[in-house]
Amino acid sequence: MATSVSSTQSVTQTATQQLLTSLGAGSGVDMAGLATSLAQAQFAAKKDRLTTQSEKLDAQISAASTLKSAISNLATSLSSRVRTGDLSSQPQLANSAVATATLSGTTIAKGSYSLEVTKLATSQTLASESFGSPTSPAGAGKLTISFGTVSGTSFNTTSGTTPLEIDVTDGQTLTDVANMINAKNAGITAYVSNTTDGAKLVLKGSTGAASAFKIDATNVTGDLGDLAANPATAAPERLITTAGDANFKLDGLAITSATNKVVDAIPGVELNLTGTNTNVPTTVTFSDPSSSITSAMTDLTEALNEIVTQLNTLTDAKTGELARDSGALALRRTMQGLTSKIIMPNAAEGIPRSMADLGLSIQKDGTFTLDTARLTATLKNNPQEAAAMFTNGLYGVDATISEISRNMSSISTDTKSYGATLGNSIAAMTAQKTKNTESLTTLSEKQELLRTQLVARFSASDSQVGASKSTLSFLKNQIAAWNGTSNS
């Protein structure tokens, strides 16, 4: 029993000694706290520097993103406004049942025109003899579809065209034949119609007199011959519609077209013929967008000033978050050159070509004002040319603002050579912030490793100090005991 008690006391004393040592009981110093403080001090300066850099990068990324979004939102809003068509001189027809008209964008549309449509362009439609159902066997042999024109009772194949050849085998159905014709993608559309007389293979071509076609069947077995047809001699129940050109008069001059979509018969206008008005001409005129353009330029000037005001604040040499940012500085240079930029490079001398011609002027602080007198003069002297600056296309106000937005949002694929855009600035700053975060993580790991190492070292030292103190205390007590014995 005594041995057991002695053993328990020994274990308890050892555990107590370990606890006291870990708490700095040997030396009286908080070794764990000291190790933590020393480790923190070792890396504090570097961590503070990285943290400060990251906070600055956050502010810069936010500022650059705000500018990029502002430009992007302006471009989107302007494009939406242009697409409504009220900023350009749009074609209008007195009789909307005859045709619809849109700007083709190939030239400046202006003037007034007379339009009389006597015939719409049509496509040839041929139907086969009747079959029992779409799944009825079509027979076997070869179908050859040739393209040409119809003249009286003659079909004239157009030289240089390649006939379609469809090989039909036993067991294939009407639906199979239709699918094989469609797979050729040669301007012929085929389908099977369930009529009151039975299933018929129907073939439709493109519009225009030159798009007629005939079907020949050779090496025939079964009912394949019932698919053959010549539009020049076909019965009415087989020739549903004939191929023909559109016929119309523009300002009294006769014009034909293979399609009902007519581009630039009226310069700068695409007509889509939808009906006839024989002997009752209608008029094509163009709307006056002057008031809408004035309103749009007023709104654009205000929007640009909001961006420039932000830009001036952010690029201020002393206080700006983006004072030295290449992307923001590039945007400022772009804004400063906006009024003089030629946005209609194809315009002749003396014709409105720049934003300045639309009244936009720049002040010393980089903000803009709208010279309404100059804008009014431009709209009065060159109304169609001014309107052309507000169309969708390669050039003009919309294209210019959209180009600025695209450029500022672009990001280089080579991250080692970022260009001067807001997109590249954001990418570069984000990459640097990521690098800082990784460095902070590495420093934290090194700090913890150092703390662990210091705790181990201090713990060993503290144990030695504790042992020395115990020895010194024993000697002092022994000497005191000896002195006490001598005195007695």
Protein backbone atom coordinates (compact mmCIF):
# COMPACT_ATOMS: atom_id res chain seq x y z
CA MET A 1 0.00 0.00 0.00
CA ALA A 2 2.84 2.39 0.85
CA THR A 3 4.42 1.73 -2.54
CA SER A 4 1.12 2.58 -4.24
CA VAL A 5 0.75 5.84 -2.32
CA SER A 6 4.35 6.75 -3.08
CA SER A 7 3.83 6.02 -6.77
CA THR A 8 0.66 8.16 -6.89
CA GLN A 9 2.42 11.04 -5.14
CA SER A 10 5.29 10.76 -7.62
CA VAL A 11 2.92 10.95 -10.64
CA THR A 12 1.04 13.89 -9.10
CA GLN A 13 4.24 15.76 -8.35
CA THR A 14 5.44 15.18 -11.94
CA ALA A 15 2.15 16.45 -13.42
CA THR A 16 2.16 19.42 -11.10
CA GLN A 17 5.76 20.21 -12.01
CA GLN A 18 4.88 20.04 -15.75
CA LEU A 19 1.92 22.35 -15.24
CA LEU A 20 3.95 24.82 -13.24
CA THR A 21 6.71 24.73 -15.82
CA SER A 22 4.28 25.39 -18.67
CA LEU A 23 2.95 28.36 -16.72
CA GLY A 24 6.42 29.70 -16.08
CA ALA A 25 6.37 28.61 -12.48
CA GLY A 26 10.05 27.76 -12.58
CA SER A 27 11.19 31.28 -13.44
CA GLY A 28 8.09 33.23 -12.53
CA VAL A 29 7.79 34.47 -16.14
CA ASP A 30 4.78 33.84 -18.50
CA MET A 31 6.80 31.95 -21.08
CA ALA A 32 3.79 31.16 -23.35
CA GLY A 33 2.76 34.82 -23.47
CA LEU A 34 6.35 35.87 -24.03
CA ALA A 35 6.69 33.46 -26.97
CA THR A 36 3.48 34.78 -28.55
CA SER A 37 4.55 38.40 -28.12
CA LEU A 38 8.00 37.79 -29.57
CA ALA A 39 6.58 35.90 -32.56
CA GLN A 40 4.04 38.65 -33.22
CA ALA A 41 6.72 41.34 -32.98
CA GLN A 42 8.89 39.46 -35.46
CA PHE A 43 6.24 39.67 -38.22
CA ALA A 44 4.11 42.66 -37.16
CA ALA A 45 5.72 45.21 -39.49
CA LYS A 46 5.43 43.02 -42.59
CA LYS A 47 1.83 42.04 -41.78
CA ASP A 48 0.82 45.64 -41.13
CA ARG A 49 2.37 46.72 -44.43
CA LEU A 50 0.56 43.99 -46.37
CA THR A 51 -2.74 44.72 -44.60
CA THR A 52 -2.44 48.41 -45.41
CA GLN A 53 -1.66 47.61 -49.03
CA SER A 54 -4.67 45.29 -49.27
CA GLU A 55 -7.00 47.93 -47.84
CA LYS A 56 -5.68 50.44 -50.37
CA LEU A 57 -6.12 47.92 -53.18
CA ASP A 58 -9.72 47.32 -52.07
CA ALA A 59 -10.41 51.04 -52.36
CA GLN A 60 -8.71 51.25 -55.75
CA ILE A 61 -10.53 48.20 -57.12
CA SER A 62 -13.84 49.66 -55.97
CA ALA A 63 -13.07 53.03 -57.56
CA ALA A 64 -11.97 51.54 -60.89
CA SER A 65 -15.00 49.22 -60.95
CA THR A 66 -17.31 52.17 -60.33
CA LEU A 67 -15.83 54.05 -63.29
CA LYS A 68 -16.00 51.00 -65.56
CA SER A 69 -19.63 50.39 -64.62
CA ALA A 70 -20.51 54.04 -65.24
CA ILE A 71 -19.09 53.91 -68.77
CA SER A 72 -20.73 50.55 -69.45
CA ASN A 73 -24.13 51.76 -68.21
CA LEU A 74 -23.90 54.87 -70.38
CA ALA A 75 -23.05 52.80 -73.46
CA THR A 76 -25.92 50.39 -72.78
CA SER A 77 -28.43 53.17 -72.20
CA LEU A 78 -27.37 55.05 -75.32
CA SER A 79 -27.53 51.90 -77.47
CA SER A 80 -31.03 51.19 -76.18
CA ARG A 81 -32.07 54.75 -76.99
CA VAL A 82 -30.64 54.53 -80.51
CA ARG A 83 -32.38 51.21 -81.15
CA THR A 84 -35.79 52.81 -80.55
CA GLY A 85 -35.18 54.75 -83.78
CA ASP A 86 -36.40 58.16 -82.59
CA LEU A 87 -32.88 59.65 -82.89
CA SER A 88 -32.56 58.91 -86.59
CA SER A 89 -34.65 59.95 -89.54
CA GLN A 90 -36.88 56.90 -89.97
CA PRO A 91 -38.74 56.05 -93.20
CA GLN A 92 -42.53 56.28 -93.03
CA LEU A 93 -45.14 54.97 -95.48
CA ALA A 94 -48.51 56.62 -95.93
CA ASN A 95 -49.97 53.16 -96.72
CA SER A 96 -48.43 50.69 -94.24
CA ALA A 97 -50.20 47.73 -95.90
CA VAL A 98 -47.96 47.99 -98.96
CA ALA A 99 -44.56 47.66 -97.30
CA THR A 100 -42.48 48.16 -94.18
CA ALA A 101 -39.32 50.24 -94.33
CA THR A 102 -36.18 50.36 -92.21
CA LEU A 103 -32.81 52.02 -92.56
CA SER A 104 -30.27 49.85 -94.37
CA GLY A 105 -27.29 51.77 -93.01
CA THR A 106 -25.51 51.86 -96.37
CA THR A 107 -26.03 55.59 -96.96
CA ILE A 108 -27.92 58.59 -95.57
CA ALA A 109 -31.66 58.23 -96.19
CA LYS A 110 -33.54 61.41 -97.12
CA GLY A 111 -36.11 62.86 -99.49
CA SER A 112 -39.61 61.77 -100.51
CA TYR A 113 -40.52 58.90 -102.83
CA SER A 114 -43.59 57.45 -104.58
CA LEU A 115 -44.07 53.66 -104.31
CA GLU A 116 -46.51 51.52 -106.30
CA VAL A 117 -46.40 47.71 -105.93
CA THR A 118 -48.14 45.76 -108.68
CA LYS A 119 -46.92 42.24 -107.88
CA LEU A 120 -45.20 40.52 -104.98
CA ALA A 121 -42.35 38.04 -105.47
CA THR A 122 -43.56 34.44 -105.23
CA SER A 123 -41.98 31.04 -104.86
CA GLN A 124 -42.87 27.92 -106.82
CA THR A 125 -44.79 25.23 -104.96
CA LEU A 126 -45.21 21.74 -106.48
CA ALA A 127 -47.26 18.87 -105.06
CA SER A 128 -46.98 15.19 -105.92
CA GLU A 129 -49.75 12.77 -106.82
CA SER A 130 -51.66 11.40 -103.83
CA PHE A 131 -50.30 8.57 -101.66
CA GLY A 132 -52.06 6.60 -98.95
CA SER A 133 -50.17 8.15 -96.00
CA PRO A 134 -46.84 9.84 -95.13
CA THR A 135 -45.45 6.40 -94.37
CA SER A 136 -46.50 4.91 -97.73
CA PRO A 137 -43.60 3.45 -99.77
CA ALA A 138 -42.37 6.03 -102.29
CA GLY A 139 -41.01 3.43 -104.69
CA ALA A 140 -37.40 3.35 -105.87
CA GLY A 141 -35.16 5.13 -108.36
CA LYS A 142 -33.54 8.56 -108.72
CA LEU A 143 -35.13 11.99 -108.35
CA THR A 144 -33.38 14.89 -110.10
CA ILE A 145 -34.40 18.45 -109.23
CA SER A 146 -33.24 21.01 -111.82
CA PHE A 147 -33.37 24.81 -111.48
CA GLY A 148 -34.34 27.30 -114.16
CA THR A 149 -37.13 29.48 -115.56
CA VAL A 150 -40.52 28.85 -117.13
CA SER A 151 -41.34 30.32 -120.53
CA GLY A 152 -44.79 29.37 -121.78
CA THR A 153 -44.85 25.58 -121.92
CA SER A 154 -41.06 25.27 -121.73
CA PHE A 155 -38.78 24.86 -118.73
CA ASN A 156 -35.32 26.32 -119.36
CA THR A 157 -32.58 24.99 -117.09
CA THR A 158 -30.25 27.70 -115.88
CA SER A 159 -26.70 26.98 -116.96
CA GLY A 160 -24.16 26.72 -114.18
CA THR A 161 -26.64 25.39 -111.62
CA THR A 162 -26.14 21.97 -110.06
CA PRO A 163 -29.19 19.68 -109.99
CA LEU A 164 -30.12 17.88 -106.78
CA GLU A 165 -30.00 14.08 -107.02
CA ILE A 166 -31.95 12.00 -104.54
CA ASP A 167 -31.52 8.21 -104.58
CA VAL A 168 -34.64 6.50 -103.26
CA THR A 169 -34.49 2.82 -102.30
CA ASP A 170 -37.20 0.25 -101.75
CA GLY A 171 -38.98 0.69 -98.43
CA GLN A 172 -38.36 4.42 -98.06
CA THR A 173 -41.46 6.52 -97.44
CA LEU A 174 -42.70 9.94 -98.53
CA THR A 175 -41.42 11.33 -95.23
CA ASP A 176 -37.99 9.81 -95.90
CA VAL A 177 -37.87 11.49 -99.30
CA ALA A 178 -38.81 14.87 -97.77
CA ASN A 179 -36.04 14.49 -95.19
CA MET A 180 -33.45 13.65 -97.85
CA ILE A 181 -34.39 16.73 -99.90
CA ASN A 182 -34.21 19.01 -96.86
CA ALA A 183 -30.82 17.57 -95.93
CA LYS A 184 -29.40 18.98 -99.19
CA ASN A 185 -29.93 22.56 -97.93
CA ALA A 186 -30.21 23.75 -101.53
CA GLY A 187 -33.10 26.21 -101.25
CA ILE A 188 -35.84 23.60 -101.63
CA THR A 189 -38.10 22.89 -98.67
CA ALA A 190 -40.04 19.62 -98.63
CA TYR A 191 -42.80 18.33 -96.39
CA VAL A 192 -45.69 15.86 -96.50
CA SER A 193 -49.22 17.27 -96.42
CA ASN A 194 -52.21 15.13 -95.42
CA THR A 195 -54.83 16.49 -97.83
CA THR A 196 -58.41 15.38 -98.35
CA ASP A 197 -57.15 13.47 -101.40
CA GLY A 198 -54.39 11.71 -99.48
CA ALA A 199 -50.75 12.35 -98.54
CA LYS A 200 -48.77 14.54 -100.94
CA LEU A 201 -45.10 15.48 -101.04
CA VAL A 202 -44.92 19.28 -101.28
CA LEU A 203 -41.79 21.14 -102.48
CA LYS A 204 -41.30 24.90 -102.17
CA GLY A 205 -38.46 26.92 -103.72
CA SER A 206 -37.10 30.44 -103.21
CA THR A 207 -38.88 33.52 -104.52
CA GLY A 208 -38.10 34.91 -107.94
CA ALA A 209 -38.73 33.85 -111.53
CA ALA A 210 -35.25 32.34 -111.77
CA SER A 211 -35.96 30.00 -108.83
CA ALA A 212 -38.36 27.69 -110.68
CA PHE A 213 -37.57 23.98 -110.57
CA LYS A 214 -38.72 20.71 -112.13
CA ILE A 215 -38.55 17.13 -110.83
CA ASP A 216 -37.54 14.18 -113.01
CA ALA A 217 -37.73 10.52 -111.93
CA THR A 218 -35.51 7.86 -113.58
CA ASN A 219 -34.95 4.12 -113.09
CA VAL A 220 -38.35 4.07 -111.47
CA THR A 221 -40.01 1.17 -109.69
CA GLY A 222 -43.23 1.45 -107.75
CA ASP A 223 -44.90 4.86 -107.43
CA LEU A 224 -41.78 7.08 -107.51
CA GLY A 225 -42.84 8.46 -110.92
CA ASP A 226 -45.79 10.17 -109.20
CA LEU A 227 -43.30 12.62 -107.66
CA ALA A 228 -42.08 13.91 -111.04
CA ALA A 229 -43.43 17.30 -112.18
CA ASN A 230 -42.69 20.03 -114.74
CA PRO A 231 -44.00 23.51 -113.75
CA ALA A 232 -44.36 24.48 -117.42
CA THR A 233 -46.93 21.74 -118.06
CA ALA A 234 -48.16 20.68 -114.61
CA ALA A 235 -51.86 20.59 -113.86
CA PRO A 236 -53.19 23.25 -111.46
CA GLU A 237 -53.59 20.69 -108.67
CA ARG A 238 -49.87 19.94 -108.96
CA LEU A 239 -48.53 23.49 -109.54
CA ILE A 240 -49.85 25.32 -106.50
CA THR A 241 -47.92 28.59 -107.06
CA THR A 242 -45.48 29.75 -109.72
CA ALA A 243 -42.08 31.41 -109.25
CA GLY A 244 -42.20 35.12 -110.00
CA ASP A 245 -40.43 38.42 -109.39
CA ALA A 246 -41.80 41.39 -107.50
CA ASN A 247 -42.85 44.27 -109.74
CA PHE A 248 -43.07 47.81 -108.41
CA LYS A 249 -42.59 51.40 -109.43
CA LEU A 250 -40.46 53.91 -107.56
CA ASP A 251 -41.18 57.48 -108.57
CA GLY A 252 -42.88 56.00 -111.66
CA LEU A 253 -39.86 53.92 -112.72
CA ALA A 254 -40.46 50.17 -113.13
CA ILE A 255 -38.28 47.87 -111.00
CA THR A 256 -38.23 44.09 -110.51
CA SER A 257 -36.85 42.10 -107.61
CA ALA A 258 -36.43 38.35 -107.05
CA THR A 259 -37.40 38.86 -103.42
CA ASN A 260 -39.82 41.04 -101.52
CA LYS A 261 -36.90 42.46 -99.56
CA VAL A 262 -35.50 45.34 -101.56
CA VAL A 263 -32.34 47.12 -100.41
CA ASP A 264 -31.33 50.60 -101.56
CA ALA A 265 -33.93 51.07 -104.27
CA ILE A 266 -34.47 54.08 -102.03
CA PRO A 267 -30.91 55.02 -100.93
CA GLY A 268 -30.32 53.96 -97.34
CA VAL A 269 -33.65 52.15 -97.00
CA GLU A 270 -34.64 48.48 -96.92
CA LEU A 271 -38.19 47.84 -98.15
CA ASN A 272 -40.10 44.70 -97.31
CA LEU A 273 -42.98 44.50 -99.76
CA THR A 274 -46.13 43.10 -98.16
CA GLY A 275 -49.04 44.08 -100.44
CA THR A 276 -50.04 45.66 -103.73
CA ASN A 277 -51.45 49.12 -104.49
CA THR A 278 -51.79 49.11 -108.25
CA ASN A 279 -52.62 52.57 -109.64
CA VAL A 280 -52.73 53.99 -106.09
CA PRO A 281 -49.12 54.98 -105.25
CA THR A 282 -48.16 55.63 -101.64
CA THR A 283 -45.51 58.02 -100.35
CA VAL A 284 -42.31 57.24 -98.46
CA THR A 285 -41.06 60.12 -96.31
CA PHE A 286 -38.68 60.52 -93.36
CA SER A 287 -39.36 61.65 -89.81
CA ASP A 288 -37.70 64.70 -88.24
CA PRO A 289 -35.72 63.59 -85.15
CA SER A 290 -34.40 67.08 -84.26
CA SER A 291 -36.17 67.41 -80.92
CA SER A 292 -35.21 63.87 -79.90
CA ILE A 293 -31.56 64.49 -80.80
CA THR A 294 -31.52 67.70 -78.76
CA SER A 295 -32.96 65.84 -75.78
CA ALA A 296 -30.48 62.97 -76.22
CA MET A 297 -27.50 65.32 -76.42
CA THR A 298 -28.64 67.08 -73.25
CA ASP A 299 -28.88 63.74 -71.43
CA LEU A 300 -25.55 62.57 -72.86
CA THR A 301 -23.78 65.74 -71.70
CA GLU A 302 -25.12 65.29 -68.17
CA ALA A 303 -24.12 61.62 -68.09
CA LEU A 304 -20.61 62.38 -69.35
CA ASN A 305 -20.22 65.08 -66.69
CA GLU A 306 -21.14 62.63 -63.94
CA ILE A 307 -18.38 60.33 -65.14
CA VAL A 308 -15.84 63.16 -65.54
CA THR A 309 -16.61 64.48 -62.05
CA GLN A 310 -15.91 61.04 -60.58
CA LEU A 311 -12.82 60.75 -62.73
CA ASN A 312 -11.44 64.11 -61.62
CA THR A 313 -11.89 63.18 -57.96
CA LEU A 314 -10.35 59.73 -58.31
CA THR A 315 -7.35 60.93 -60.32
CA ASP A 316 -6.58 63.96 -58.12
CA ALA A 317 -2.78 64.02 -57.74
CA LYS A 318 -2.92 64.39 -53.94
CA THR A 319 -6.07 62.64 -52.76
CA GLY A 320 -7.29 60.43 -55.63
CA GLU A 321 -7.48 56.68 -55.19
CA LEU A 322 -6.48 56.28 -58.85
CA ALA A 323 -4.04 59.18 -59.09
CA ARG A 324 -1.37 57.01 -60.71
CA ASP A 325 -3.56 54.36 -62.29
CA SER A 326 -2.87 53.96 -66.00
CA GLY A 327 -6.42 52.86 -66.82
CA ALA A 328 -8.08 55.86 -65.15
CA LEU A 329 -5.57 58.24 -66.71
CA ALA A 330 -6.19 56.69 -70.14
CA LEU A 331 -9.94 57.22 -69.67
CA ARG A 332 -9.34 60.86 -68.75
CA ARG A 333 -7.29 61.38 -71.93
CA THR A 334 -10.05 59.74 -73.97
CA MET A 335 -12.66 62.03 -72.45
CA GLN A 336 -10.50 65.08 -73.13
CA GLY A 337 -10.31 64.15 -76.81
CA LEU A 338 -13.99 63.21 -77.19
CA THR A 339 -15.23 66.49 -78.69
CA SER A 340 -12.63 66.56 -81.46
CA LYS A 341 -12.76 62.86 -82.32
CA ILE A 342 -14.00 62.18 -85.87
CA ILE A 343 -16.90 59.81 -85.37
CA MET A 344 -18.10 59.88 -89.02
CA PRO A 345 -14.87 59.31 -90.99
CA ASN A 346 -16.70 58.88 -94.28
CA ALA A 347 -18.43 62.25 -94.08
CA ALA A 348 -17.35 64.85 -96.60
CA GLU A 349 -15.70 68.10 -95.57
CA GLY A 350 -18.27 70.55 -94.21
CA ILE A 351 -20.63 67.75 -93.17
CA PRO A 352 -21.08 67.01 -89.40
CA ARG A 353 -18.28 64.62 -88.41
CA SER A 354 -17.56 65.10 -84.70
CA MET A 355 -19.26 65.40 -81.34
CA ALA A 356 -18.35 69.09 -81.44
CA ASP A 357 -20.58 69.44 -84.52
CA LEU A 358 -23.41 68.20 -82.30
CA GLY A 359 -22.70 70.98 -79.81
CA LEU A 360 -20.54 69.10 -77.31
CA SER A 361 -17.74 71.30 -75.96
CA ILE A 362 -15.18 70.76 -73.21
CA GLN A 363 -14.18 73.10 -70.38
CA LYS A 364 -10.84 73.56 -68.60
CA ASP A 365 -11.77 71.16 -65.79
CA GLY A 366 -12.62 68.43 -68.30
CA THR A 367 -16.39 68.68 -67.90
CA PHE A 368 -18.67 69.26 -70.87
CA THR A 369 -21.25 71.82 -71.90
CA LEU A 370 -23.79 71.67 -74.72
CA ASP A 371 -23.61 74.47 -77.25
CA THR A 372 -27.28 74.46 -78.20
CA ALA A 373 -26.80 77.14 -80.84
CA ARG A 374 -24.27 74.99 -82.72
CA LEU A 375 -26.45 71.89 -82.34
CA THR A 376 -29.48 73.77 -83.66
CA ALA A 377 -27.49 75.03 -86.66
CA THR A 378 -26.28 71.51 -87.46
CA LEU A 379 -29.80 70.09 -87.27
CA LYS A 380 -31.10 72.90 -89.51
CA ASN A 381 -28.36 72.78 -92.13
CA ASN A 382 -27.68 69.02 -92.19
CA PRO A 383 -30.68 67.26 -90.61
CA GLN A 384 -30.20 63.90 -92.34
CA GLU A 385 -26.44 63.83 -91.76
CA ALA A 386 -26.89 64.70 -88.08
CA ALA A 387 -29.53 61.98 -87.75
CA ALA A 388 -27.13 59.49 -89.35
CA MET A 389 -24.79 60.04 -86.40
CA PHE A 390 -27.40 58.36 -84.18
CA THR A 391 -27.81 55.06 -85.99
CA ASN A 392 -26.49 51.61 -85.10
CA GLY A 393 -23.37 50.82 -87.08
CA LEU A 394 -19.61 51.14 -87.24
CA TYR A 395 -19.61 54.90 -86.81
CA GLY A 396 -21.51 57.56 -84.90
CA VAL A 397 -22.25 58.57 -81.32
CA ASP A 398 -23.39 55.12 -80.20
CA ALA A 399 -20.40 53.35 -81.78
CA THR A 400 -18.00 55.86 -80.19
CA ILE A 401 -19.32 55.51 -76.64
CA SER A 402 -19.58 51.73 -77.04
CA GLU A 403 -15.97 51.58 -78.22
CA ILE A 404 -14.82 53.51 -75.13
CA SER A 405 -16.75 51.09 -72.92
CA ARG A 406 -15.30 48.03 -74.67
CA ASN A 407 -11.76 49.40 -74.48
CA MET A 408 -12.04 50.29 -70.81
CA SER A 409 -13.49 46.86 -69.98
CA SER A 410 -10.92 44.88 -71.97
CA ILE A 411 -8.37 42.70 -70.18
CA SER A 412 -5.03 41.64 -71.65
CA THR A 413 -4.45 37.92 -71.97
CA ASP A 414 -0.80 38.51 -71.10
CA THR A 415 -0.89 39.47 -67.43
CA LYS A 416 2.74 40.57 -67.60
CA SER A 417 1.91 43.41 -69.98
CA TYR A 418 -1.34 44.97 -68.86
CA GLY A 419 -2.56 47.73 -71.18
CA ALA A 420 -3.96 51.07 -70.07
CA THR A 421 -7.59 50.08 -69.44
CA LEU A 422 -9.77 49.97 -66.34
CA GLY A 423 -10.28 46.26 -66.91
CA ASN A 424 -6.53 45.67 -66.83
CA SER A 425 -6.14 47.91 -63.79
CA ILE A 426 -8.77 45.94 -61.89
CA ALA A 427 -7.18 42.66 -62.97
CA ALA A 428 -3.70 43.79 -61.91
CA MET A 429 -4.88 45.14 -58.56
CA THR A 430 -6.93 42.02 -57.89
CA ALA A 431 -3.90 39.85 -58.67
CA GLN A 432 -1.78 41.94 -56.28
CA LYS A 433 -4.39 41.66 -53.55
CA THR A 434 -4.48 37.88 -54.01
CA LYS A 435 -0.70 37.83 -53.73
CA ASN A 436 -0.89 39.93 -50.55
CA THR A 437 -3.46 37.56 -49.06
CA GLU A 438 -1.22 34.60 -49.81
CA SER A 439 1.75 36.42 -48.26
CA LEU A 440 -0.27 37.17 -45.12
CA THR A 441 -1.20 33.51 -44.85
CA THR A 442 2.45 32.51 -45.24
CA LEU A 443 3.53 35.03 -42.58
CA SER A 444 0.87 33.73 -40.18
CA GLU A 445 2.14 30.20 -40.69
CA LYS A 446 5.74 31.31 -40.07
CA GLN A 447 4.66 33.25 -37.00
CA GLU A 448 2.91 30.22 -35.55
CA LEU A 449 5.93 28.05 -36.26
CA LEU A 450 8.22 30.54 -34.50
CA ARG A 451 5.85 30.76 -31.53
CA THR A 452 5.83 26.97 -31.21
CA GLN A 453 9.61 26.85 -31.37
CA LEU A 454 9.98 29.62 -28.76
CA VAL A 455 7.52 27.92 -26.40
CA ALA A 456 9.56 24.73 -26.62
CA ARG A 457 12.82 26.55 -25.99
CA PHE A 458 11.45 28.66 -23.15
CA SER A 459 9.84 25.63 -21.55
CA ALA A 460 13.19 23.81 -21.45
CA SER A 461 14.92 26.88 -20.06
CA ASP A 462 12.21 27.39 -17.50
CA SER A 463 12.59 23.79 -16.29
CA GLN A 464 16.33 24.32 -15.84
CA VAL A 465 15.72 27.54 -13.92
CA GLY A 466 13.17 25.76 -11.74
CA ALA A 467 15.63 22.93 -11.02
CA SER A 468 18.37 25.43 -10.14
CA LYS A 469 16.02 27.29 -7.83
CA SER A 470 15.07 24.03 -6.10
CA THR A 471 18.75 23.11 -5.63
CA LEU A 472 19.52 26.57 -4.27
CA SER A 473 16.59 26.36 -1.88
CA PHE A 474 17.73 22.91 -0.68
CA LEU A 475 21.26 24.19 -0.04
CA LYS A 476 19.94 27.23 1.79
CA ASN A 477 17.77 25.03 4.00
CA GLN A 478 20.63 22.61 4.61
CA ILE A 479 22.98 25.41 5.57
CA ALA A 480 20.35 26.84 7.85
CA ALA A 481 19.92 23.43 9.43
CA TRP A 482 23.65 23.09 9.90
CA ASN A 483 23.84 26.52 11.43
CA GLY A 484 20.99 25.66 13.76
CA THR A 485 22.75 22.44 14.89
CA SER A 486 25.97 24.32 15.59
CA ASN A 487 24.17 26.89 17.66
CA SER A 488 22.60 24.22 19.75
